[in-house]
C-alpha atoms as a PDB file:
ATOM      1  CA  MET A   1     109.586 150.427 -15.563  1.00  0.00           C
ATOM      2  CA  PHE A   2     109.784 150.384 -11.774  1.00  0.00           C
ATOM      3  CA  SER A   3     113.246 150.596 -10.280  1.00  0.00           C
ATOM      4  CA  PRO A   4     113.946 149.930  -6.584  1.00  0.00           C
ATOM      5  CA  MET A   5     116.078 153.072  -6.605  1.00  0.00           C
ATOM      6  CA  SER A   6     113.252 155.210  -7.995  1.00  0.00           C
ATOM      7  CA  SER A   7     111.569 157.600  -5.578  1.00  0.00           C
ATOM      8  CA  THR A   8     108.419 158.043  -7.680  1.00  0.00           C
ATOM      9  CA  VAL A   9     105.628 155.594  -8.403  1.00  0.00           C
ATOM     10  CA  ARG A  10     102.897 156.604 -10.826  1.00  0.00           C
ATOM     11  CA  ALA A  11      99.525 155.509  -9.466  1.00  0.00           C
ATOM     12  CA  THR A  12      96.003 155.590 -10.834  1.00  0.00           C
ATOM     13  CA  VAL A  13      92.868 155.659  -8.697  1.00  0.00           C
ATOM     14  CA  VAL A  14      89.777 154.336 -10.457  1.00  0.00           C
ATOM     15  CA  GLN A  15      86.470 155.872  -9.412  1.00  0.00           C
ATOM     16  CA  ALA A  16      83.867 153.637 -11.008  1.00  0.00           C
ATOM     17  CA  SER A  17      81.128 151.238 -10.073  1.00  0.00           C
ATOM     18  CA  SER A  18      80.977 147.587 -10.941  1.00  0.00           C
ATOM     19  CA  VAL A  19      78.388 146.170 -13.332  1.00  0.00           C
ATOM     20  CA  PHE A  20      76.020 144.849 -10.680  1.00  0.00           C
ATOM     21  CA  TYR A  21      75.235 141.147 -10.852  1.00  0.00           C
ATOM     22  CA  ASP A  22      77.541 140.703 -13.880  1.00  0.00           C
ATOM     23  CA  THR A  23      81.033 139.656 -12.799  1.00  0.00           C
ATOM     24  CA  PRO A  24      82.333 138.924 -16.341  1.00  0.00           C
ATOM     25  CA  ALA A  25      81.287 142.413 -17.502  1.00  0.00           C
ATOM     26  CA  THR A  26      82.917 143.936 -14.400  1.00  0.00           C
ATOM     27  CA  LEU A  27      86.158 142.076 -15.150  1.00  0.00           C
ATOM     28  CA  ASP A  28      86.061 143.404 -18.724  1.00  0.00           C
ATOM     29  CA  LYS A  29      85.525 146.916 -17.353  1.00  0.00           C
ATOM     30  CA  ALA A  30      88.457 146.526 -14.946  1.00  0.00           C
ATOM     31  CA  GLU A  31      90.653 145.277 -17.781  1.00  0.00           C
ATOM     32  CA  ARG A  32      89.851 148.390 -19.835  1.00  0.00           C
ATOM     33  CA  PHE A  33      90.786 150.638 -16.894  1.00  0.00           C
ATOM     34  CA  LEU A  34      94.016 148.701 -16.302  1.00  0.00           C
ATOM     35  CA  LYS A  35      94.993 148.941 -19.973  1.00  0.00           C
ATOM     36  CA  GLU A  36      94.323 152.685 -20.049  1.00  0.00           C
ATOM     37  CA  ALA A  37      96.290 153.229 -16.840  1.00  0.00           C
ATOM     38  CA  ALA A  38      99.233 151.220 -18.183  1.00  0.00           C
ATOM     39  CA  GLU A  39      99.183 153.228 -21.418  1.00  0.00           C
ATOM     40  CA  LEU A  40      99.462 156.379 -19.284  1.00  0.00           C
ATOM     41  CA  GLY A  41     102.484 154.928 -17.469  1.00  0.00           C
ATOM     42  CA  SER A  42     100.783 153.903 -14.254  1.00  0.00           C
ATOM     43  CA  GLN A  43     102.631 151.353 -12.137  1.00  0.00           C
ATOM     44  CA  PHE A  44      99.956 150.920  -9.472  1.00  0.00           C
ATOM     45  CA  VAL A  45      96.159 150.915  -9.947  1.00  0.00           C
ATOM     46  CA  VAL A  46      93.617 151.105  -7.116  1.00  0.00           C
ATOM     47  CA  PHE A  47      89.966 150.132  -7.524  1.00  0.00           C
ATOM     48  CA  PRO A  48      87.097 150.730  -5.081  1.00  0.00           C
ATOM     49  CA  GLU A  49      86.555 148.177  -2.338  1.00  0.00           C
ATOM     50  CA  ALA A  50      84.335 145.326  -3.592  1.00  0.00           C
ATOM     51  CA  PHE A  51      84.618 146.529  -7.207  1.00  0.00           C
ATOM     52  CA  ILE A  52      84.605 142.926  -8.406  1.00  0.00           C
ATOM     53  CA  GLY A  53      81.580 141.174  -6.999  1.00  0.00           C
ATOM     54  CA  GLY A  54      79.963 144.495  -6.252  1.00  0.00           C
ATOM     55  CA  HIS A  55      78.090 145.720  -3.246  1.00  0.00           C
ATOM     56  CA  PRO A  56      75.145 147.950  -4.154  1.00  0.00           C
ATOM     57  CA  ARG A  57      75.078 151.132  -2.100  1.00  0.00           C
ATOM     58  CA  GLY A  58      72.236 151.107   0.375  1.00  0.00           C
ATOM     59  CA  TYR A  59      71.677 147.386  -0.046  1.00  0.00           C
ATOM     60  CA  ASN A  60      69.612 145.972   2.820  1.00  0.00           C
ATOM     61  CA  PHE A  61      70.713 142.444   3.693  1.00  0.00           C
ATOM     62  CA  ALA A  62      67.936 142.266   6.304  1.00  0.00           C
ATOM     63  CA  ASP A  63      65.171 142.465   3.673  1.00  0.00           C
ATOM     64  CA  HIS A  64      63.535 139.015   3.823  1.00  0.00           C
ATOM     65  CA  SER A  65      60.791 139.781   1.322  1.00  0.00           C
ATOM     66  CA  PRO A  66      60.761 137.783  -1.947  1.00  0.00           C
ATOM     67  CA  ARG A  67      62.303 140.781  -3.725  1.00  0.00           C
ATOM     68  CA  GLY A  68      65.012 141.117  -1.060  1.00  0.00           C
ATOM     69  CA  LYS A  69      65.789 137.402  -1.189  1.00  0.00           C
ATOM     70  CA  GLU A  70      66.128 137.524  -4.979  1.00  0.00           C
ATOM     71  CA  SER A  71      68.452 140.542  -4.752  1.00  0.00           C
ATOM     72  CA  PHE A  72      70.577 138.725  -2.184  1.00  0.00           C
ATOM     73  CA  ARG A  73      70.690 135.598  -4.378  1.00  0.00           C
ATOM     74  CA  LYS A  74      71.861 137.638  -7.387  1.00  0.00           C
ATOM     75  CA  ASN A  75      74.460 139.479  -5.307  1.00  0.00           C
ATOM     76  CA  HIS A  76      75.740 136.216  -3.813  1.00  0.00           C
ATOM     77  CA  ALA A  77      75.919 134.551  -7.242  1.00  0.00           C
ATOM     78  CA  SER A  78      78.091 137.378  -8.602  1.00  0.00           C
ATOM     79  CA  ALA A  79      80.500 137.346  -5.651  1.00  0.00           C
ATOM     80  CA  ILE A  80      84.076 136.143  -5.987  1.00  0.00           C
ATOM     81  CA  ASN A  81      85.156 133.519  -3.478  1.00  0.00           C
END
């Protein structure tokens, strides 16, 4: 348990990708990582930026083709606001 007088905080850094276009599955994945970290005594857990909601690497928001528009729609639908 964290004590204000303690000089050490056990932290966990998660290096994982989200489940693209599937926010509920990503939340389940995050919950598994959080549970594992807690079992190992972690007091602080850090996830990648945009882990929930996702942001596919190399995604081109300027692609206005039908395929690009559909990808944007799916990405937008899975975002957290």
